N, C-alpha and C. Protein backbone atom coordinates (compact mmCIF):
# COMPACT_ATOMS: atom_id res chain seq x y z
N VAL A 1 0.86 -1.18 0.04
CA VAL A 1 0.01 -0.02 0.08
C VAL A 1 0.89 1.31 0.01
N SER A 2 1.76 1.25 0.59
CA SER A 2 2.84 2.41 0.98
C SER A 2 3.27 2.44 -0.40
N PHE A 3 3.14 2.00 -1.61
CA PHE A 3 4.44 1.67 -2.91
C PHE A 3 3.00 2.47 -3.21
N TYR A 4 1.37 2.09 -3.57
CA TYR A 4 0.65 2.92 -4.62
C TYR A 4 0.84 4.30 -3.80
N LEU A 5 0.36 4.87 -2.01
CA LEU A 5 0.71 6.05 -1.76
C LEU A 5 1.83 7.17 -1.96
N GLY A 6 3.05 6.29 -2.10
CA GLY A 6 4.13 6.57 -2.70
C GLY A 6 4.74 7.51 -4.00
N GLN A 7 3.34 6.78 -4.90
CA GLN A 7 3.62 7.22 -6.37
C GLN A 7 2.92 8.80 -6.47
N VAL A 8 1.86 8.74 -5.43
CA VAL A 8 0.04 9.55 -5.39
C VAL A 8 0.78 11.29 -4.94
N SER A 9 0.20 11.77 -5.75
CA SER A 9 0.73 13.51 -5.61
C SER A 9 -0.66 13.99 -4.24
N GLY A 10 -1.57 13.77 -4.26
CA GLY A 10 -2.42 14.15 -3.22
C GLY A 10 -3.86 13.13 -3.17
N GLY A 11 -4.90 13.84 -2.54
CA GLY A 11 -5.41 13.39 -1.66
C GLY A 11 -6.54 12.48 -2.40
N GLU A 12 -7.26 13.18 -3.37
CA GLU A 12 -8.31 12.56 -3.85
C GLU A 12 -7.50 11.66 -5.24
N ASP A 13 -6.10 12.42 -5.37
CA ASP A 13 -5.92 10.79 -6.46
C ASP A 13 -5.39 9.63 -5.99
N GLU A 14 -5.01 10.22 -4.92
CA GLU A 14 -3.79 8.53 -4.32
C GLU A 14 -5.98 7.73 -3.75
N ILE A 15 -6.69 8.28 -3.53
CA ILE A 15 -7.93 7.90 -3.36
C ILE A 15 -8.64 6.31 -4.58
N GLN A 16 -8.36 7.33 -5.86
CA GLN A 16 -8.86 6.91 -6.67
C GLN A 16 -7.84 5.73 -7.77
N GLN A 17 -5.98 6.16 -7.12
CA GLN A 17 -5.05 5.43 -7.38
C GLN A 17 -5.74 3.67 -6.77
N LEU A 18 -6.33 4.30 -5.27
CA LEU A 18 -6.63 2.70 -4.61
C LEU A 18 -7.22 1.90 -4.64
N GLN A 19 -8.11 2.70 -5.28
CA GLN A 19 -9.54 1.63 -5.77
C GLN A 19 -8.74 1.67 -7.55
N LYS A 20 -8.23 1.77 -8.38
CA LYS A 20 -8.00 1.12 -9.05
C LYS A 20 -7.19 -0.57 -8.89
N ALA A 21 -6.45 -0.13 -7.55
CA ALA A 21 -5.26 -1.11 -7.36
C ALA A 21 -6.15 -1.97 -6.58
N LEU A 22 -7.75 -1.96 -5.67
CA LEU A 22 -8.47 -2.57 -4.99
C LEU A 22 -8.85 -3.50 -6.90
N LEU A 23 -9.81 -2.78 -7.51
CA LEU A 23 -11.01 -3.29 -8.69
C LEU A 23 -9.82 -4.16 -8.95
N ASP A 24 -8.20 -3.80 -9.20
CA ASP A 24 -7.76 -4.97 -10.23
C ASP A 24 -7.20 -6.25 -9.69
N TYR A 25 -7.31 -6.46 -8.22
CA TYR A 25 -6.65 -7.51 -7.55
C TYR A 25 -8.22 -8.09 -7.55
N LEU A 26 -9.11 -7.57 -8.03
CA LEU A 26 -10.75 -8.18 -8.07
C LEU A 26 -11.05 -9.38 -8.95
N ASP A 27 -10.68 -7.63 -9.51
CA ASP A 27 -10.72 -8.79 -11.74
C ASP A 27 -9.34 -9.61 -11.79
N GLU A 28 -8.53 -9.99 -10.73
CA GLU A 28 -7.47 -10.70 -11.76
C GLU A 28 -7.77 -11.99 -10.47
N ASN A 29 -8.63 -11.89 -9.68
CA ASN A 29 -8.61 -13.03 -8.61
C ASN A 29 -10.58 -13.93 -9.12
N THR A 30 -11.38 -13.14 -10.30
CA THR A 30 -12.37 -13.42 -10.19
C THR A 30 -12.68 -14.95 -10.68
N GLU A 31 -11.88 -15.26 -11.28
CA GLU A 31 -11.15 -16.87 -11.89
C GLU A 31 -11.76 -17.57 -10.13
N THR A 32 -11.18 -17.52 -9.75
CA THR A 32 -10.76 -18.64 -8.27
C THR A 32 -11.91 -18.15 -7.42
N ASP A 33 -12.70 -16.97 -7.84
CA ASP A 33 -13.72 -16.76 -6.57
C ASP A 33 -14.53 -16.03 -7.03
N ALA A 34 -15.74 -16.86 -8.01
CA ALA A 34 -17.00 -15.61 -9.10
C ALA A 34 -17.66 -14.52 -7.77
N SER A 35 -17.29 -14.68 -6.81
CA SER A 35 -18.00 -13.88 -5.46
C SER A 35 -17.05 -12.28 -5.90
N LEU A 36 -16.14 -12.25 -6.41
CA LEU A 36 -15.39 -10.85 -6.30
C LEU A 36 -16.17 -9.84 -7.49
N VAL A 37 -17.06 -10.97 -8.64
CA VAL A 37 -17.38 -10.10 -9.49
C VAL A 37 -18.33 -8.73 -8.83
N PHE A 38 -19.34 -10.24 -8.32
CA PHE A 38 -20.64 -8.70 -7.27
C PHE A 38 -19.58 -8.18 -7.02
N SER A 39 -18.17 -7.76 -5.56
CA SER A 39 -18.16 -7.30 -4.65
C SER A 39 -17.31 -6.27 -5.42
N ARG A 40 -16.47 -6.27 -7.03
CA ARG A 40 -16.28 -5.30 -7.00
C ARG A 40 -17.05 -4.25 -8.11
N LYS A 41 -18.51 -4.89 -8.47
CA LYS A 41 -19.45 -4.43 -8.73
C LYS A 41 -20.47 -3.44 -7.71
N PHE A 42 -20.49 -3.82 -6.53
CA PHE A 42 -20.60 -2.76 -5.18
C PHE A 42 -19.94 -2.30 -4.86
N TYR A 43 -18.28 -2.31 -5.52
CA TYR A 43 -17.18 -1.10 -4.45
C TYR A 43 -17.88 -0.50 -5.31
N ILE A 44 -18.14 -0.77 -6.63
CA ILE A 44 -18.16 0.82 -7.48
C ILE A 44 -19.43 1.58 -7.82
N ALA A 45 -20.35 0.52 -6.44
CA ALA A 45 -21.61 1.68 -6.86
C ALA A 45 -21.31 2.26 -5.36
N GLN A 46 -20.87 1.46 -4.34
CA GLN A 46 -20.87 2.34 -3.23
C GLN A 46 -19.99 3.94 -3.65
N TRP A 47 -19.11 3.79 -4.47
CA TRP A 47 -17.70 4.87 -4.01
C TRP A 47 -19.11 5.89 -5.21
N PHE A 48 -19.54 5.35 -5.73
CA PHE A 48 -20.98 6.20 -6.63
C PHE A 48 -21.62 6.80 -5.97
N ARG A 49 -22.07 6.16 -5.12
CA ARG A 49 -23.26 6.93 -3.99
C ARG A 49 -22.91 7.82 -2.97
N ASP A 50 -21.31 7.41 -2.49
CA ASP A 50 -21.18 8.02 -1.16
C ASP A 50 -20.22 9.26 -2.62
N THR A 51 -20.34 9.43 -3.63
CA THR A 51 -19.06 10.80 -4.44
C THR A 51 -20.87 11.39 -4.34
N THR A 52 -21.91 10.85 -4.59
CA THR A 52 -23.21 12.16 -4.92
C THR A 52 -23.72 13.00 -3.19
N MET A 53 -23.84 11.79 -2.26
CA MET A 53 -23.60 11.96 -0.84
C MET A 53 -22.94 13.32 -0.33
N GLU A 54 -22.01 12.85 -0.79
CA GLU A 54 -20.67 14.04 -0.12
C GLU A 54 -21.38 15.02 -0.91
N THR A 55 -21.12 15.24 -1.75
CA THR A 55 -20.90 16.29 -3.01
C THR A 55 -22.47 17.27 -2.14
N GLU A 56 -23.49 16.57 -2.11
CA GLU A 56 -25.28 17.22 -1.65
C GLU A 56 -24.70 17.49 -0.16
N LYS A 57 -24.00 16.99 0.49
CA LYS A 57 -23.31 17.60 1.93
C LYS A 57 -22.74 18.58 1.29
N ALA A 58 -22.12 18.71 1.08
CA ALA A 58 -20.67 19.74 0.69
C ALA A 58 -21.75 21.43 0.30
N ILE A 59 -22.24 20.94 -1.12
CA ILE A 59 -23.60 21.42 -1.16
C ILE A 59 -24.90 22.38 -0.24
N LYS A 60 -25.08 21.97 0.85
CA LYS A 60 -25.37 21.63 1.42
C LYS A 60 -25.17 22.50 2.65
N SER A 61 -24.45 22.08 3.40
CA SER A 61 -23.29 22.66 4.12
C SER A 61 -22.53 24.33 3.96
N GLN A 62 -22.15 24.77 2.54
CA GLN A 62 -21.70 25.63 1.57
C GLN A 62 -22.83 26.79 1.78
N LYS A 63 -24.22 26.43 1.64
CA LYS A 63 -25.21 27.46 1.71
C LYS A 63 -26.35 27.59 3.18
N ASP A 64 -26.09 26.69 4.00
CA ASP A 64 -25.45 27.13 6.01
C ASP A 64 -24.72 28.07 6.09
N GLU A 65 -23.86 27.71 5.32
CA GLU A 65 -22.55 29.04 5.93
C GLU A 65 -22.86 30.59 5.38
N ASP A 66 -23.72 29.69 3.99
CA ASP A 66 -23.45 31.40 3.47
C ASP A 66 -24.40 32.17 3.96
N SER A 67 -25.72 31.71 4.17
CA SER A 67 -26.73 32.29 5.02
C SER A 67 -26.21 32.98 5.92
N SER A 68 -26.30 32.20 7.17
CA SER A 68 -25.99 31.70 8.68
C SER A 68 -24.99 33.17 8.35
N GLU A 69 -23.97 33.78 7.56
CA GLU A 69 -22.46 34.44 7.82
C GLU A 69 -22.68 35.80 7.08
N GLY A 70 -23.73 35.89 5.47
CA GLY A 70 -23.88 36.57 5.23
C GLY A 70 -22.27 37.03 4.17
N THR A 71 -21.63 37.09 4.59
CA THR A 71 -20.13 37.33 3.74
C THR A 71 -19.26 36.11 3.85
N HIS A 72 -18.16 35.74 3.74
CA HIS A 72 -17.80 34.85 3.89
C HIS A 72 -16.01 34.91 3.31
N HIS A 73 -15.53 33.84 4.00
CA HIS A 73 -13.83 34.11 3.01
C HIS A 73 -13.85 33.26 1.46
N ALA A 74 -13.37 33.70 0.36
CA ALA A 74 -13.39 33.26 -0.76
C ALA A 74 -12.08 32.10 -0.80
N LYS A 75 -11.06 32.56 0.63
CA LYS A 75 -10.51 31.77 0.33
C LYS A 75 -10.86 30.31 1.02
N ASP A 76 -11.58 30.34 2.46
CA ASP A 76 -11.62 29.00 2.70
C ASP A 76 -12.86 28.30 2.87
N VAL A 77 -13.73 29.13 1.70
CA VAL A 77 -14.28 27.97 1.59
C VAL A 77 -14.99 27.73 -0.21
N GLU A 78 -14.93 26.35 -0.14
CA GLU A 78 -14.99 26.07 -1.74
C GLU A 78 -15.71 26.09 -2.58
N THR A 79 -16.36 26.91 -3.99
CA THR A 79 -17.39 27.40 -3.98
C THR A 79 -18.38 26.11 -4.64
N THR A 80 -19.43 26.63 -5.21
CA THR A 80 -20.70 24.72 -5.36
C THR A 80 -19.90 24.92 -7.17
N GLY A 81 -19.34 25.89 -7.77
CA GLY A 81 -18.51 25.08 -8.89
C GLY A 81 -17.48 24.35 -8.59
N GLN A 82 -17.03 24.53 -8.11
CA GLN A 82 -15.43 23.81 -7.58
C GLN A 82 -15.81 22.42 -6.90
N ILE A 83 -17.05 22.06 -6.01
CA ILE A 83 -17.49 21.35 -5.57
C ILE A 83 -17.98 19.92 -6.61
N MET A 84 -18.73 20.56 -7.22
CA MET A 84 -19.12 19.97 -8.38
C MET A 84 -17.90 19.56 -9.40
N HIS A 85 -17.41 20.19 -10.48
CA HIS A 85 -16.58 19.92 -10.50
C HIS A 85 -15.19 18.48 -10.47
N ARG A 86 -15.00 18.59 -8.42
CA ARG A 86 -14.61 17.39 -7.89
C ARG A 86 -15.42 16.40 -8.48
N ALA A 87 -17.05 16.77 -7.99
CA ALA A 87 -17.46 15.09 -7.66
C ALA A 87 -17.58 14.62 -9.18
N GLU A 88 -17.57 15.87 -10.30
CA GLU A 88 -18.10 14.99 -11.36
C GLU A 88 -16.92 14.19 -12.13
N SER A 89 -15.36 15.16 -11.46
CA SER A 89 -14.09 13.96 -11.85
C SER A 89 -14.03 12.99 -11.25
N ARG A 90 -14.05 12.79 -10.20
CA ARG A 90 -14.41 11.32 -9.15
C ARG A 90 -15.56 10.58 -10.33
N LYS A 91 -16.87 10.74 -10.66
CA LYS A 91 -17.92 10.43 -11.31
C LYS A 91 -17.64 9.77 -12.37
N LYS A 92 -16.51 10.76 -13.06
CA LYS A 92 -16.06 10.52 -14.48
C LYS A 92 -14.96 8.77 -14.54
N PHE A 93 -14.03 9.47 -13.47
CA PHE A 93 -13.49 8.29 -12.86
C PHE A 93 -13.97 6.66 -12.72
N LEU A 94 -15.30 6.54 -12.07
CA LEU A 94 -16.44 6.29 -12.51
C LEU A 94 -16.88 5.14 -13.08
N ARG A 95 -17.24 5.63 -14.36
CA ARG A 95 -17.91 5.90 -15.62
C ARG A 95 -17.48 4.73 -16.03
N SER A 96 -16.09 5.55 -16.07
CA SER A 96 -14.88 4.56 -17.01
C SER A 96 -14.52 3.15 -16.52
N ILE A 97 -14.52 3.38 -15.14
CA ILE A 97 -14.55 1.39 -14.85
C ILE A 97 -15.85 1.06 -15.18
N ILE A 98 -17.11 1.73 -14.76
CA ILE A 98 -17.87 1.06 -14.82
C ILE A 98 -18.00 0.41 -16.66
N LYS A 99 -17.59 1.11 -17.63
CA LYS A 99 -17.32 0.71 -18.90
C LYS A 99 -16.33 -0.65 -19.36
N THR A 100 -15.29 -0.43 -18.35
CA THR A 100 -14.46 -1.22 -19.56
C THR A 100 -14.42 -2.75 -18.15
N ALA A 101 -14.78 -3.11 -18.94
CA ALA A 101 -15.40 -4.88 -18.75
C ALA A 101 -14.12 -5.58 -17.68
N PRO A 102 -14.37 -6.27 -16.77
CA PRO A 102 -13.32 -6.66 -16.77
C PRO A 102 -12.32 -7.11 -16.85
N SER A 103 -12.08 -7.95 -18.21
CA SER A 103 -11.19 -8.23 -18.25
C SER A 103 -10.48 -7.49 -19.05
N GLN A 104 -11.22 -6.12 -19.06
CA GLN A 104 -9.84 -5.60 -20.05
C GLN A 104 -9.44 -4.28 -18.72
N PHE A 105 -10.21 -4.30 -17.49
CA PHE A 105 -9.59 -3.30 -16.76
C PHE A 105 -8.22 -3.71 -16.34
N SER A 106 -7.87 -4.85 -16.10
CA SER A 106 -5.92 -5.58 -15.94
C SER A 106 -5.14 -4.45 -16.87
N THR A 107 -5.73 -4.08 -18.43
CA THR A 107 -4.78 -3.42 -19.34
C THR A 107 -4.26 -1.63 -18.90
N LEU A 108 -5.88 -0.96 -17.85
CA LEU A 108 -5.18 0.25 -17.26
C LEU A 108 -4.21 0.00 -16.06
N LYS A 109 -4.81 -0.77 -16.21
CA LYS A 109 -3.78 -0.67 -14.08
C LYS A 109 -2.22 0.46 -14.53
N MET A 110 -2.01 1.80 -13.37
CA MET A 110 -0.77 2.18 -13.63
C MET A 110 0.19 1.18 -12.92
N ASN A 111 0.58 0.59 -12.50
CA ASN A 111 1.92 0.11 -11.45
C ASN A 111 1.95 -1.63 -12.13
N SER A 112 3.51 -1.80 -12.61
CA SER A 112 2.93 -2.82 -12.73
C SER A 112 2.95 -4.17 -12.15
N ASP A 113 2.68 -3.37 -11.19
CA ASP A 113 3.22 -4.82 -10.16
C ASP A 113 2.09 -4.92 -9.27
N THR A 114 1.43 -5.92 -9.19
CA THR A 114 0.69 -6.83 -8.72
C THR A 114 0.29 -6.37 -6.75
N VAL A 115 -1.25 -6.31 -6.96
CA VAL A 115 -2.06 -6.18 -5.52
C VAL A 115 -1.82 -7.69 -5.52
N ASP A 116 -1.12 -8.13 -4.22
CA ASP A 116 -1.75 -9.79 -3.03
C ASP A 116 -2.73 -9.07 -2.48
N TYR A 117 -3.48 -10.78 -2.18
CA TYR A 117 -3.70 -10.05 -0.92
C TYR A 117 -3.53 -9.16 0.01
N GLU A 118 -3.06 -9.43 0.84
CA GLU A 118 -2.84 -8.26 2.14
C GLU A 118 -2.66 -7.23 1.13
N ASP A 119 -2.07 -6.31 0.53
CA ASP A 119 -2.09 -5.36 -0.10
C ASP A 119 -3.82 -5.20 -0.07
N ALA A 120 -4.34 -6.16 -1.25
CA ALA A 120 -5.78 -5.39 -0.65
C ALA A 120 -6.39 -5.63 0.93
N CYS A 121 -6.19 -6.16 1.19
CA CYS A 121 -6.94 -6.11 2.56
C CYS A 121 -6.44 -4.79 3.53
N LEU A 122 -5.13 -4.17 3.61
CA LEU A 122 -4.86 -2.70 3.61
C LEU A 122 -5.65 -1.87 3.34
N ILE A 123 -5.90 -2.26 1.75
CA ILE A 123 -5.93 -0.96 1.06
C ILE A 123 -7.80 -0.90 0.82
N VAL A 124 -8.54 -1.80 1.42
CA VAL A 124 -9.73 -2.06 2.53
C VAL A 124 -10.24 -1.80 3.42
N ARG A 125 -9.12 -1.66 4.20
CA ARG A 125 -9.02 -1.19 5.64
C ARG A 125 -9.06 0.30 5.06
N TYR A 126 -8.33 0.88 4.81
CA TYR A 126 -7.68 2.47 4.24
C TYR A 126 -8.99 3.21 3.66
N LEU A 127 -9.79 2.78 2.87
CA LEU A 127 -10.69 3.03 2.15
C LEU A 127 -12.49 3.28 2.86
N ALA A 128 -12.29 1.94 3.08
CA ALA A 128 -13.05 1.90 4.62
C ALA A 128 -13.23 3.06 5.94
N SER A 129 -11.90 3.40 6.79
CA SER A 129 -11.40 4.60 7.95
C SER A 129 -12.16 5.51 6.94
N MET A 130 -12.26 5.63 5.55
CA MET A 130 -12.54 6.92 4.77
C MET A 130 -13.59 7.44 5.35
N ARG A 131 -14.77 6.31 5.93
CA ARG A 131 -15.88 6.80 5.28
C ARG A 131 -16.16 6.85 6.15
N PRO A 132 -17.75 7.66 6.43
CA PRO A 132 -18.18 8.86 7.70
C PRO A 132 -18.60 8.04 8.95
N PHE A 133 -19.10 6.89 8.68
CA PHE A 133 -19.45 6.05 9.93
C PHE A 133 -17.81 5.84 11.02
N ALA A 134 -17.23 5.48 10.23
CA ALA A 134 -16.16 4.61 10.50
C ALA A 134 -14.83 6.11 11.13
N GLN A 135 -15.19 7.19 10.33
CA GLN A 135 -14.39 8.52 11.20
C GLN A 135 -15.08 8.91 12.67
N SER A 136 -16.51 8.75 12.28
CA SER A 136 -17.31 9.29 14.01
C SER A 136 -17.62 8.22 14.74
N PHE A 137 -16.26 6.95 14.58
CA PHE A 137 -17.00 6.54 15.30
C PHE A 137 -16.93 6.40 17.01
N ASP A 138 -15.45 6.62 17.04
CA ASP A 138 -15.35 7.45 18.66
C ASP A 138 -16.24 8.20 18.90
N ILE A 139 -17.42 8.83 18.48
CA ILE A 139 -18.00 9.37 18.76
C ILE A 139 -19.61 8.98 19.22
N TYR A 140 -19.93 7.69 18.02
CA TYR A 140 -20.78 7.00 18.38
C TYR A 140 -20.90 5.93 19.44
N LEU A 141 -19.69 5.80 19.96
CA LEU A 141 -18.78 4.85 20.96
C LEU A 141 -19.05 5.04 22.47
N THR A 142 -18.95 7.16 22.39
CA THR A 142 -18.74 7.66 23.87
C THR A 142 -20.11 8.07 24.10
N GLN A 143 -20.61 7.68 23.55
CA GLN A 143 -22.94 7.83 22.70
C GLN A 143 -23.40 6.84 23.80
C-alpha cells in the first residue's frame, strides 16, 4: 500500500489510485472466486453513491454557511462550482471503470506490480476508514 501511496501526489488521486488497485486485484482473482465479480460491482456502486452524498452534504453545508454568515472568506470556502467539478471528475473515473469490461480493466493498471491479498486487505481497511461512519465511530461509541 505504501508503494501506491508513495507514487501519488495528493488526496483525491490517492483514493482513485487505491480504488484502481483494489478493483484490479478483484478482477485478477475472479477466476478463482466468482463472488469477487459482485464485490467489484458493489464497490463501484458504493463509491459512486458516496460521491453523490458527499457532494450534496458539501453544497448544503456551504449554503447554510452562506446564509448564516452573510459574507464569507473566498479563500476558505469552496465554491459550488469547485465542489461540482470535483464530484464530476470522481464520477467520470467511476463511469470509465463501469464501461470497461473486467477483463480489459487489467490493461488499465497504473503500476506494473500486482496487489496481493494482504495489500488488498490494507487497501480495503484504508478506504473503509475514510467513510463517515468509521470517522465518527468514537462519537457513536462514547454516546
